[in-house]
Amino acid sequence: MRGRKQSGQAMVEYLIVLPALIMLIFGTIQAAFIYSAKNSLNYATFQAARLGAVNNASYDGIRRGLIRGLTPMFIHHNTDADKEQANIEAGAEVDNYVRITRISPTLSDFSAFAEFDSDESDYLIPNDNLMYRPATGIQDANLLKIRVQYCLYLVVPIVDRLLSAASSFNNANIEGSFSGASQNAVPGYTDICQAGRRGIVITSEATVRMQSPALRDSEACGTDMQCL
């Protein structure tokens, strides 16, 4: 009789511990995926900044660099066809689930230092003879700083619902607080995780020195890219 009671008690304890154990295992797996994706996003953001620096800080250049950096996340086989498909998938992710913010140069920098370029039909911040220009102001305006926020699709069952709900609830303070100008343009969760995607927003920033005159890119600012 005592053996039966002990057996029944062990079963009850097992049923209590099992859900917590499953959540721990699933959570660990999802955390590994998020960590890997964050590293990939850091690399892709740096690539985006580098390509943007030689392409007038334009959205098109930043976008191409970001797609190039994210493509390895979607490669499953070492074939040309799979690499081409991965590039298409990365492009779709960037166009639908990424928010790009150009933190520097700011729109006020263009108002203060830019010159109108008739070929581009837009304003450019000079990038030549910087050693002879003032130490402040235009020097800082020749630093390209971008922030990339990516809605990472969550694939682990149960955990995906919990993390996406938490990220949505966190809304205006995604992944902690940002410093300086970054705080001025933190979009809502639904602006990045569109169409009801169950995901979590991960963020990366990169800063590089401009290698070409920065273009205001009036058409992209406010539509494809957020400009501070």
Protein backbone atom coordinates (compact mmCIF):
# COMPACT_ATOMS: atom_id res chain seq x y z
CA MET A 1 0.00 0.00 0.00
CA ARG A 2 2.81 2.37 0.90
CA GLY A 3 4.58 1.54 -2.39
CA ARG A 4 1.48 2.52 -4.38
CA LYS A 5 1.18 5.85 -2.58
CA GLN A 6 4.84 6.64 -3.20
CA SER A 7 4.47 5.70 -6.87
CA GLY A 8 1.43 7.95 -7.22
CA GLN A 9 3.21 10.83 -5.50
CA ALA A 10 6.18 10.46 -7.86
CA MET A 11 3.83 10.60 -10.85
CA VAL A 12 2.22 13.82 -9.57
CA GLU A 13 5.63 15.41 -8.99
CA TYR A 14 6.71 14.34 -12.47
CA LEU A 15 3.63 15.92 -14.06
CA ILE A 16 4.31 19.18 -12.18
CA VAL A 17 7.98 19.32 -13.18
CA LEU A 18 7.52 18.17 -16.82
CA PRO A 19 6.00 21.42 -18.23
CA ALA A 20 8.72 23.51 -16.60
CA LEU A 21 11.38 21.16 -17.99
CA ILE A 22 9.91 21.36 -21.49
CA MET A 23 9.78 25.14 -21.32
CA LEU A 24 13.41 25.23 -20.17
CA ILE A 25 14.54 23.04 -23.07
CA PHE A 26 12.47 24.90 -25.67
CA GLY A 27 13.58 28.26 -24.27
CA THR A 28 17.24 27.25 -24.48
CA ILE A 29 16.84 26.20 -28.11
CA GLN A 30 15.08 29.44 -29.04
CA ALA A 31 17.66 31.52 -27.17
CA ALA A 32 20.41 29.84 -29.23
CA PHE A 33 18.57 30.74 -32.44
CA ILE A 34 18.15 34.35 -31.31
CA TYR A 35 21.82 34.62 -30.32
CA SER A 36 22.90 33.29 -33.71
CA ALA A 37 20.54 35.67 -35.52
CA LYS A 38 21.81 38.62 -33.46
CA ASN A 39 25.39 37.86 -34.48
CA SER A 40 24.30 37.62 -38.12
CA LEU A 41 22.43 40.92 -37.84
CA ASN A 42 25.49 42.63 -36.33
CA TYR A 43 27.56 41.48 -39.30
CA ALA A 44 24.85 42.46 -41.81
CA THR A 45 24.44 45.91 -40.26
CA PHE A 46 28.18 46.54 -40.53
CA GLN A 47 28.10 45.43 -44.17
CA ALA A 48 25.15 47.75 -44.78
CA ALA A 49 27.03 50.68 -43.25
CA ARG A 50 30.17 49.94 -45.28
CA LEU A 51 28.26 49.74 -48.56
CA GLY A 52 26.26 52.81 -47.62
CA ALA A 53 29.46 54.76 -46.92
CA VAL A 54 30.66 54.33 -50.52
CA ASN A 55 27.18 54.92 -51.99
CA ASN A 56 26.34 58.35 -50.60
CA ALA A 57 24.59 57.01 -47.47
CA SER A 58 21.66 56.16 -49.73
CA TYR A 59 18.93 53.71 -48.82
CA ASP A 60 19.68 51.63 -51.90
CA GLY A 61 23.30 51.12 -50.87
CA ILE A 62 22.41 50.34 -47.25
CA ARG A 63 19.70 47.91 -48.35
CA ARG A 64 22.03 46.01 -50.70
CA GLY A 65 24.64 45.68 -47.97
CA LEU A 66 22.05 44.45 -45.50
CA ILE A 67 20.71 41.82 -47.90
CA ARG A 68 24.25 40.66 -48.63
CA GLY A 69 24.96 40.31 -44.92
CA LEU A 70 21.72 38.47 -44.11
CA THR A 71 21.87 36.03 -47.02
CA PRO A 72 23.99 33.42 -45.14
CA MET A 73 21.12 33.02 -42.62
CA PHE A 74 18.99 31.45 -45.37
CA ILE A 75 21.56 29.22 -47.07
CA HIS A 76 20.92 25.52 -46.38
CA HIS A 77 22.94 23.82 -49.13
CA ASN A 78 26.17 24.77 -50.85
CA THR A 79 24.69 25.13 -54.33
CA ASP A 80 24.34 28.14 -56.60
CA ALA A 81 20.57 27.69 -56.78
CA ASP A 82 20.25 27.64 -53.00
CA LYS A 83 22.45 30.73 -52.65
CA GLU A 84 20.33 32.58 -55.19
CA GLN A 85 17.16 31.58 -53.37
CA ALA A 86 18.70 32.64 -50.04
CA ASN A 87 19.44 36.07 -51.50
CA ILE A 88 15.80 36.40 -52.60
CA GLU A 89 14.57 35.38 -49.14
CA ALA A 90 16.93 37.85 -47.45
CA GLY A 91 15.61 40.60 -49.74
CA ALA A 92 12.03 39.76 -48.79
CA GLU A 93 12.93 39.89 -45.08
CA VAL A 94 14.58 43.29 -45.47
CA ASP A 95 11.69 44.73 -47.46
CA ASN A 96 8.97 43.44 -45.12
CA TYR A 97 10.36 42.94 -41.61
CA VAL A 98 13.22 45.43 -41.21
CA ARG A 99 13.26 49.07 -40.14
CA ILE A 100 16.38 51.00 -41.19
CA THR A 101 17.12 54.27 -39.41
CA ARG A 102 19.87 56.64 -40.51
CA ILE A 103 20.95 58.27 -37.27
CA SER A 104 23.84 60.24 -38.78
CA PRO A 105 24.11 62.39 -40.77
CA THR A 106 20.92 63.99 -39.49
CA LEU A 107 18.53 66.12 -41.51
CA SER A 108 19.77 69.14 -39.55
CA ASP A 109 23.32 68.31 -40.76
CA PHE A 110 22.07 68.59 -44.33
CA SER A 111 20.45 71.94 -43.54
CA ALA A 112 23.74 73.23 -42.10
CA PHE A 113 26.40 71.78 -44.43
CA ALA A 114 24.85 70.33 -47.60
CA GLU A 115 25.24 71.75 -51.08
CA PHE A 116 22.72 71.23 -53.86
CA ASP A 117 23.90 68.84 -56.55
CA SER A 118 22.18 69.30 -59.92
CA ASP A 119 23.19 65.83 -61.15
CA GLU A 120 21.55 64.14 -58.16
CA SER A 121 18.77 66.76 -57.87
CA ASP A 122 19.32 66.57 -54.12
CA TYR A 123 21.57 67.90 -51.37
CA LEU A 124 25.04 66.43 -50.68
CA ILE A 125 27.36 66.92 -47.68
CA PRO A 126 30.92 67.48 -49.02
CA ASN A 127 33.39 64.69 -48.36
CA ASP A 128 36.54 66.28 -49.79
CA ASN A 129 39.33 68.23 -48.06
CA LEU A 130 37.99 67.34 -44.60
CA MET A 131 41.38 67.98 -42.98
CA TYR A 132 41.02 71.67 -43.82
CA ARG A 133 37.42 71.96 -42.68
CA PRO A 134 36.24 72.83 -39.12
CA ALA A 135 36.98 70.16 -36.52
CA THR A 136 33.34 69.95 -35.47
CA GLY A 137 30.12 69.96 -37.39
CA ILE A 138 30.87 68.74 -40.89
CA GLN A 139 33.39 66.22 -39.55
CA ASP A 140 30.64 64.58 -37.49
CA ALA A 141 28.26 64.84 -40.45
CA ASN A 142 30.68 62.62 -42.39
CA LEU A 143 30.06 59.74 -40.02
CA LEU A 144 27.40 57.29 -41.18
CA LYS A 145 25.54 55.70 -38.29
CA ILE A 146 22.62 53.38 -38.93
CA ARG A 147 20.32 51.30 -36.78
CA VAL A 148 18.64 48.14 -38.08
CA GLN A 149 15.65 46.60 -36.31
CA TYR A 150 14.67 43.15 -37.54
CA CYS A 151 11.58 41.12 -36.67
CA LEU A 152 13.09 37.66 -36.23
CA TYR A 153 10.59 34.88 -36.88
CA LEU A 154 10.34 32.56 -33.86
CA VAL A 155 10.25 28.87 -34.73
CA VAL A 156 10.12 27.03 -31.39
CA PRO A 157 6.57 26.08 -30.31
CA ILE A 158 5.07 27.62 -27.16
CA VAL A 159 8.11 29.86 -26.65
CA ASP A 160 7.27 31.75 -29.84
CA ARG A 161 3.91 32.85 -28.40
CA LEU A 162 5.41 33.94 -25.09
CA LEU A 163 8.31 35.90 -26.57
CA SER A 164 6.26 37.57 -29.31
CA ALA A 165 3.65 38.61 -26.74
CA ALA A 166 6.39 40.00 -24.48
CA SER A 167 8.03 41.88 -27.37
CA SER A 168 4.68 43.31 -28.44
CA PHE A 169 3.92 44.38 -24.85
CA ASN A 170 7.34 46.04 -24.64
CA ASN A 171 6.41 47.98 -27.82
CA ALA A 172 7.97 51.42 -27.37
CA ASN A 173 11.08 50.23 -25.56
CA ILE A 174 12.31 47.44 -27.79
CA GLU A 175 15.44 45.73 -26.48
CA GLY A 176 16.11 48.25 -23.74
CA SER A 177 16.84 51.93 -24.14
CA PHE A 178 18.94 53.62 -26.77
CA SER A 179 21.28 56.55 -26.26
CA GLY A 180 21.15 60.00 -27.79
CA ALA A 181 19.37 60.50 -31.07
CA SER A 182 18.39 56.83 -31.25
CA GLN A 183 15.67 57.38 -28.64
CA ASN A 184 13.83 59.75 -30.96
CA ALA A 185 12.66 57.13 -33.42
CA VAL A 186 11.80 53.79 -31.81
CA PRO A 187 8.83 52.47 -33.82
CA GLY A 188 6.13 50.23 -32.45
CA TYR A 189 6.32 46.44 -32.56
CA THR A 190 3.57 46.14 -35.17
CA ASP A 191 5.41 48.55 -37.49
CA ILE A 192 8.23 46.02 -37.82
CA CYS A 193 6.47 42.67 -37.21
CA GLN A 194 3.81 43.27 -39.84
CA ALA A 195 1.01 40.95 -40.95
CA GLY A 196 0.82 39.32 -37.54
CA ARG A 197 4.26 37.71 -37.73
CA ARG A 198 5.08 35.94 -34.49
CA GLY A 199 8.54 37.33 -33.85
CA ILE A 200 10.84 39.27 -31.60
CA VAL A 201 12.61 42.49 -32.60
CA ILE A 202 16.40 42.38 -32.46
CA THR A 203 18.50 45.48 -33.03
CA SER A 204 21.98 46.38 -34.21
CA GLU A 205 23.83 49.65 -34.86
CA ALA A 206 26.98 50.40 -36.84
CA THR A 207 29.09 53.51 -37.44
CA VAL A 208 31.60 54.05 -40.25
CA ARG A 209 33.27 57.08 -41.83
CA MET A 210 31.79 58.24 -45.12
CA GLN A 211 33.84 57.45 -48.23
CA SER A 212 31.62 59.52 -50.53
CA PRO A 213 29.45 62.64 -50.20
CA ALA A 214 26.34 61.89 -48.15
CA LEU A 215 23.11 62.25 -50.11
CA ARG A 216 20.02 63.50 -48.33
CA ASP A 217 18.01 60.86 -50.25
CA SER A 218 14.75 62.77 -49.91
CA GLU A 219 12.69 60.09 -51.67
CA ALA A 220 13.72 57.31 -49.27
CA CYS A 221 13.62 59.33 -46.03
CA GLY A 222 10.28 58.85 -44.35
CA THR A 223 9.25 55.98 -46.62
CA ASP A 224 11.84 53.21 -47.00
CA MET A 225 14.25 54.61 -44.41
CA GLN A 226 13.78 56.66 -41.27
CA CYS A 227 16.04 59.71 -41.14
CA LEU A 228 16.62 61.58 -37.88
